[in-house]
C-alpha atoms as a PDB file:
ATOM      1  CA  MET A   1     141.992 120.362  78.244  1.00  0.00           C
ATOM      2  CA  LYS A   2     141.802 119.734  81.653  1.00  0.00           C
ATOM      3  CA  LYS A   3     138.839 117.415  82.489  1.00  0.00           C
ATOM      4  CA  GLN A   4     136.949 117.256  85.764  1.00  0.00           C
ATOM      5  CA  ILE A   5     136.768 113.834  87.407  1.00  0.00           C
ATOM      6  CA  THR A   6     135.242 112.246  90.714  1.00  0.00           C
ATOM      7  CA  VAL A   7     136.813 109.270  92.178  1.00  0.00           C
ATOM      8  CA  THR A   8     135.787 107.519  95.743  1.00  0.00           C
ATOM      9  CA  VAL A   9     139.413 106.522  96.930  1.00  0.00           C
ATOM     10  CA  ASN A  10     139.071 104.517 100.306  1.00  0.00           C
ATOM     11  CA  GLY A  11     135.465 105.626 100.870  1.00  0.00           C
ATOM     12  CA  GLN A  12     136.349 109.370 100.384  1.00  0.00           C
ATOM     13  CA  ALA A  13     135.344 111.556  97.493  1.00  0.00           C
ATOM     14  CA  HIS A  14     137.477 113.450  95.598  1.00  0.00           C
ATOM     15  CA  THR A  15     137.197 115.949  92.559  1.00  0.00           C
ATOM     16  CA  ALA A  16     140.266 116.928  90.506  1.00  0.00           C
ATOM     17  CA  GLU A  17     140.664 118.390  87.386  1.00  0.00           C
ATOM     18  CA  VAL A  18     143.235 116.541  85.240  1.00  0.00           C
ATOM     19  CA  GLU A  19     145.099 116.483  82.113  1.00  0.00           C
ATOM     20  CA  PRO A  20     143.389 113.545  79.752  1.00  0.00           C
ATOM     21  CA  ARG A  21     146.894 111.869  79.638  1.00  0.00           C
ATOM     22  CA  LEU A  22     147.405 111.895  83.446  1.00  0.00           C
ATOM     23  CA  LEU A  23     147.949 108.259  84.512  1.00  0.00           C
ATOM     24  CA  LEU A  24     145.776 107.051  87.500  1.00  0.00           C
ATOM     25  CA  VAL A  25     149.215 106.439  89.291  1.00  0.00           C
ATOM     26  CA  HIS A  26     150.414 110.013  89.345  1.00  0.00           C
ATOM     27  CA  LEU A  27     146.664 111.015  90.597  1.00  0.00           C
ATOM     28  CA  ILE A  28     146.996 108.839  93.481  1.00  0.00           C
ATOM     29  CA  ARG A  29     150.205 109.598  94.338  1.00  0.00           C
ATOM     30  CA  GLU A  30     150.804 113.560  93.179  1.00  0.00           C
ATOM     31  CA  ASN A  31     147.255 115.142  93.143  1.00  0.00           C
ATOM     32  CA  LEU A  32     145.654 112.999  96.344  1.00  0.00           C
ATOM     33  CA  ASN A  33     149.318 112.678  98.472  1.00  0.00           C
ATOM     34  CA  MET A  34     148.670 108.848  98.742  1.00  0.00           C
ATOM     35  CA  THR A  35     152.342 107.350  98.160  1.00  0.00           C
ATOM     36  CA  GLY A  36     151.536 104.088  99.486  1.00  0.00           C
ATOM     37  CA  THR A  37     151.018 102.996  95.949  1.00  0.00           C
ATOM     38  CA  HIS A  38     154.485 102.708  94.313  1.00  0.00           C
ATOM     39  CA  ILE A  39     155.802 103.322  90.706  1.00  0.00           C
ATOM     40  CA  GLY A  40     158.258 100.405  89.669  1.00  0.00           C
ATOM     41  CA  CYS A  41     158.361 100.588  85.980  1.00  0.00           C
ATOM     42  CA  ASP A  42     155.584 102.722  84.244  1.00  0.00           C
ATOM     43  CA  THR A  43     155.419  99.434  81.613  1.00  0.00           C
ATOM     44  CA  SER A  44     153.006  97.456  84.001  1.00  0.00           C
ATOM     45  CA  SER A  45     155.713  94.948  84.294  1.00  0.00           C
ATOM     46  CA  CYS A  46     156.244  95.027  87.986  1.00  0.00           C
ATOM     47  CA  GLY A  47     152.877  95.511  89.731  1.00  0.00           C
ATOM     48  CA  ALA A  48     154.043  97.869  92.349  1.00  0.00           C
ATOM     49  CA  CYS A  49     151.118 100.167  91.394  1.00  0.00           C
ATOM     50  CA  THR A  50     148.444  98.000  92.091  1.00  0.00           C
ATOM     51  CA  ILE A  51     145.348  99.362  93.424  1.00  0.00           C
ATOM     52  CA  LEU A  52     141.556  98.205  93.387  1.00  0.00           C
ATOM     53  CA  LEU A  53     139.436  99.679  91.004  1.00  0.00           C
ATOM     54  CA  ASP A  54     135.766  98.891  91.640  1.00  0.00           C
ATOM     55  CA  GLY A  55     137.087  95.946  93.578  1.00  0.00           C
ATOM     56  CA  LYS A  56     139.407  94.582  90.569  1.00  0.00           C
ATOM     57  CA  SER A  57     143.224  94.519  91.123  1.00  0.00           C
ATOM     58  CA  VAL A  58     144.718  96.839  88.187  1.00  0.00           C
ATOM     59  CA  LYS A  59     148.022  98.223  87.679  1.00  0.00           C
ATOM     60  CA  SER A  60     147.636 102.024  87.767  1.00  0.00           C
ATOM     61  CA  CYS A  61     150.153 103.053  85.767  1.00  0.00           C
ATOM     62  CA  THR A  62     148.107 101.529  82.989  1.00  0.00           C
ATOM     63  CA  ILE A  63     144.709 103.424  83.443  1.00  0.00           C
ATOM     64  CA  LEU A  64     144.352 106.822  82.650  1.00  0.00           C
ATOM     65  CA  ALA A  65     142.843 108.912  85.704  1.00  0.00           C
ATOM     66  CA  VAL A  66     139.797 110.000  83.344  1.00  0.00           C
ATOM     67  CA  GLN A  67     139.099 106.141  82.836  1.00  0.00           C
ATOM     68  CA  ALA A  68     138.705 106.117  86.633  1.00  0.00           C
ATOM     69  CA  ASN A  69     135.807 108.691  86.782  1.00  0.00           C
ATOM     70  CA  GLY A  70     132.702 107.793  88.887  1.00  0.00           C
ATOM     71  CA  LYS A  71     134.848 104.662  90.125  1.00  0.00           C
ATOM     72  CA  SER A  72     135.461 103.429  93.744  1.00  0.00           C
ATOM     73  CA  ILE A  73     139.565 103.064  94.343  1.00  0.00           C
ATOM     74  CA  ALA A  74     141.210 101.167  96.948  1.00  0.00           C
ATOM     75  CA  THR A  75     144.832 101.883  97.897  1.00  0.00           C
ATOM     76  CA  VAL A  76     146.908  99.982 100.792  1.00  0.00           C
ATOM     77  CA  GLU A  77     146.265 103.276 102.648  1.00  0.00           C
ATOM     78  CA  GLY A  78     142.713 102.030 102.996  1.00  0.00           C
ATOM     79  CA  MET A  79     143.311  98.654 104.469  1.00  0.00           C
ATOM     80  CA  CYS A  80     142.930  99.887 107.894  1.00  0.00           C
ATOM     81  CA  ALA A  81     142.636 103.395 109.333  1.00  0.00           C
ATOM     82  CA  PRO A  82     145.105 104.912 111.414  1.00  0.00           C
ATOM     83  CA  GLY A  83     145.641 103.527 115.026  1.00  0.00           C
ATOM     84  CA  ALA A  84     143.113 100.655 114.032  1.00  0.00           C
ATOM     85  CA  PRO A  85     144.765  97.263 114.178  1.00  0.00           C
ATOM     86  CA  LEU A  86     146.642  95.722 111.470  1.00  0.00           C
ATOM     87  CA  SER A  87     144.186  93.699 108.840  1.00  0.00           C
ATOM     88  CA  ASN A  88     144.414  90.116 108.837  1.00  0.00           C
ATOM     89  CA  LEU A  89     146.579  90.586 105.449  1.00  0.00           C
ATOM     90  CA  GLN A  90     149.203  93.295 106.925  1.00  0.00           C
ATOM     91  CA  GLU A  91     149.672  91.143 110.261  1.00  0.00           C
ATOM     92  CA  GLY A  92     150.156  88.244 108.045  1.00  0.00           C
ATOM     93  CA  PHE A  93     152.811  90.064 106.007  1.00  0.00           C
ATOM     94  CA  LYS A  94     154.616  91.416 109.551  1.00  0.00           C
ATOM     95  CA  GLU A  95     154.296  88.143 111.073  1.00  0.00           C
ATOM     96  CA  ASN A  96     155.775  86.253 108.330  1.00  0.00           C
ATOM     97  CA  HIS A  97     158.609  88.727 107.066  1.00  0.00           C
ATOM     98  CA  GLY A  98     156.897  89.268 103.562  1.00  0.00           C
ATOM     99  CA  LEU A  99     158.038  92.662 103.096  1.00  0.00           C
ATOM    100  CA  HIS A 100     161.740  92.807 103.379  1.00  0.00           C
ATOM    101  CA  CYS A 101     162.541  96.087 101.398  1.00  0.00           C
ATOM    102  CA  GLY A 102     158.868  96.475 101.237  1.00  0.00           C
ATOM    103  CA  PHE A 103     158.501  98.434  97.665  1.00  0.00           C
ATOM    104  CA  CYS A 104     156.475  95.491  96.246  1.00  0.00           C
ATOM    105  CA  THR A 105     154.309  95.142  99.301  1.00  0.00           C
ATOM    106  CA  PRO A 106     151.500  97.848  98.685  1.00  0.00           C
ATOM    107  CA  GLY A 107     151.072  96.238  95.563  1.00  0.00           C
ATOM    108  CA  MET A 108     151.121  92.792  96.719  1.00  0.00           C
ATOM    109  CA  MET A 109     148.779  93.739  99.461  1.00  0.00           C
ATOM    110  CA  MET A 110     145.995  94.766  96.889  1.00  0.00           C
ATOM    111  CA  ARG A 111     146.504  91.812  94.791  1.00  0.00           C
ATOM    112  CA  ALA A 112     146.026  89.317  97.667  1.00  0.00           C
ATOM    113  CA  THR A 113     142.952  91.405  98.921  1.00  0.00           C
ATOM    114  CA  GLU A 114     140.860  90.600  95.557  1.00  0.00           C
ATOM    115  CA  LEU A 115     142.742  87.272  95.391  1.00  0.00           C
ATOM    116  CA  LEU A 116     141.251  86.587  99.043  1.00  0.00           C
ATOM    117  CA  GLU A 117     137.848  87.992  98.096  1.00  0.00           C
ATOM    118  CA  MET A 118     137.794  85.638  94.957  1.00  0.00           C
ATOM    119  CA  ASN A 119     138.920  82.593  96.652  1.00  0.00           C
ATOM    120  CA  PRO A 120     139.100  82.418 100.521  1.00  0.00           C
ATOM    121  CA  ASP A 121     140.965  79.560 100.874  1.00  0.00           C
ATOM    122  CA  PRO A 122     143.613  79.327  98.038  1.00  0.00           C
ATOM    123  CA  THR A 123     146.123  76.544  97.847  1.00  0.00           C
ATOM    124  CA  GLU A 124     150.228  77.480  97.483  1.00  0.00           C
ATOM    125  CA  ASP A 125     149.644  77.071  93.880  1.00  0.00           C
ATOM    126  CA  GLU A 126     146.898  79.350  93.515  1.00  0.00           C
ATOM    127  CA  ILE A 127     148.300  82.087  95.658  1.00  0.00           C
ATOM    128  CA  ARG A 128     151.615  81.790  93.496  1.00  0.00           C
ATOM    129  CA  TRP A 129     149.612  82.054  90.398  1.00  0.00           C
ATOM    130  CA  GLY A 130     147.385  84.933  91.945  1.00  0.00           C
ATOM    131  CA  ILE A 131     150.444  86.916  92.464  1.00  0.00           C
ATOM    132  CA  SER A 132     152.419  86.292  89.546  1.00  0.00           C
ATOM    133  CA  GLY A 133     151.814  89.536  87.931  1.00  0.00           C
ATOM    134  CA  ASN A 134     153.670  91.172  90.853  1.00  0.00           C
ATOM    135  CA  LEU A 135     157.191  91.140  91.269  1.00  0.00           C
ATOM    136  CA  CYS A 136     159.134  91.151  94.274  1.00  0.00           C
ATOM    137  CA  ARG A 137     162.968  91.075  93.826  1.00  0.00           C
ATOM    138  CA  CYS A 138     164.152  90.229  97.346  1.00  0.00           C
ATOM    139  CA  THR A 139     161.980  87.800  99.146  1.00  0.00           C
ATOM    140  CA  GLY A 140     161.795  84.870  96.507  1.00  0.00           C
ATOM    141  CA  TYR A 141     158.340  85.022  97.064  1.00  0.00           C
ATOM    142  CA  ASN A 142     158.109  82.258 100.117  1.00  0.00           C
ATOM    143  CA  ASN A 143     157.540  84.697 102.980  1.00  0.00           C
ATOM    144  CA  ILE A 144     154.687  86.530 100.758  1.00  0.00           C
ATOM    145  CA  VAL A 145     152.846  83.386 100.167  1.00  0.00           C
ATOM    146  CA  LYS A 146     153.213  82.317 103.781  1.00  0.00           C
ATOM    147  CA  ALA A 147     151.797  85.817 104.812  1.00  0.00           C
ATOM    148  CA  ILE A 148     148.672  85.337 102.287  1.00  0.00           C
ATOM    149  CA  GLN A 149     148.225  81.652 103.782  1.00  0.00           C
ATOM    150  CA  TYR A 150     148.296  83.444 107.192  1.00  0.00           C
ATOM    151  CA  ALA A 151     145.628  85.945 106.448  1.00  0.00           C
ATOM    152  CA  SER A 152     143.282  83.285 104.461  1.00  0.00           C
ATOM    153  CA  ALA A 153     143.357  81.027 107.946  1.00  0.00           C
ATOM    154  CA  LYS A 154     142.612  84.524 110.142  1.00  0.00           C
ATOM    155  CA  ASN A 155     139.891  85.421 107.659  1.00  0.00           C
ATOM    156  CA  ARG A 156     138.149  82.090 108.265  1.00  0.00           C
ATOM    157  CA  GLY A 157     138.652  82.203 111.716  1.00  0.00           C
ATOM    158  CA  VAL A 158     141.327  79.479 111.652  1.00  0.00           C
ATOM    159  CA  GLU A 159     144.519  79.544 113.694  1.00  0.00           C
ATOM    160  CA  PRO A 160     147.175  80.199 111.234  1.00  0.00           C
ATOM    161  CA  ALA A 161     149.805  77.312 110.880  1.00  0.00           C
ATOM    162  CA  SER A 162     152.756  78.259 112.779  1.00  0.00           C
ATOM    163  CA  THR A 163     155.585  78.897 110.247  1.00  0.00           C
ATOM    164  CA  GLU A 164     158.940  79.760 110.625  1.00  0.00           C
ATOM    165  CA  PRO A 165     159.887  82.730 108.140  1.00  0.00           C
ATOM    166  CA  GLN A 166     162.380  81.606 105.277  1.00  0.00           C
ATOM    167  CA  PHE A 167     165.038  84.069 104.648  1.00  0.00           C
ATOM    168  CA  VAL A 168     166.464  83.737 101.584  1.00  0.00           C
END
């Protein structure tokens, strides 16, 4: 029997009739057509499906859609409005080549968003620990770390350190 749920995604309320076993990642991608949230493993191993649920990063392949009823969801699509300038984090990934194939990028950005909310000036080790639940198979993480450091500096009104991207 389907259940009616209401979620707020990127500031907009959505109501849907869902099967109780529907995963949140599938609600986001299939019902709401927000395909920036990726499915990499369906076992919570990779973090490609990371979103913010009431401000906390979660792997949306581990949450049932009915568990999100009444909650606020932020996805990568909500990082900036269409046509608006990139967020500092998006700009950091662009400027520091932190995206290579791009598959992990939405999940990394959502995890980094929470990390920077909790710690506006993280050390490199804190960044590496903070993103350790999200896998990237192409970058070696160096440029992702630099992208987050870049965003941290910009968020604090500090000129980001000039770094050359590292290609591995």
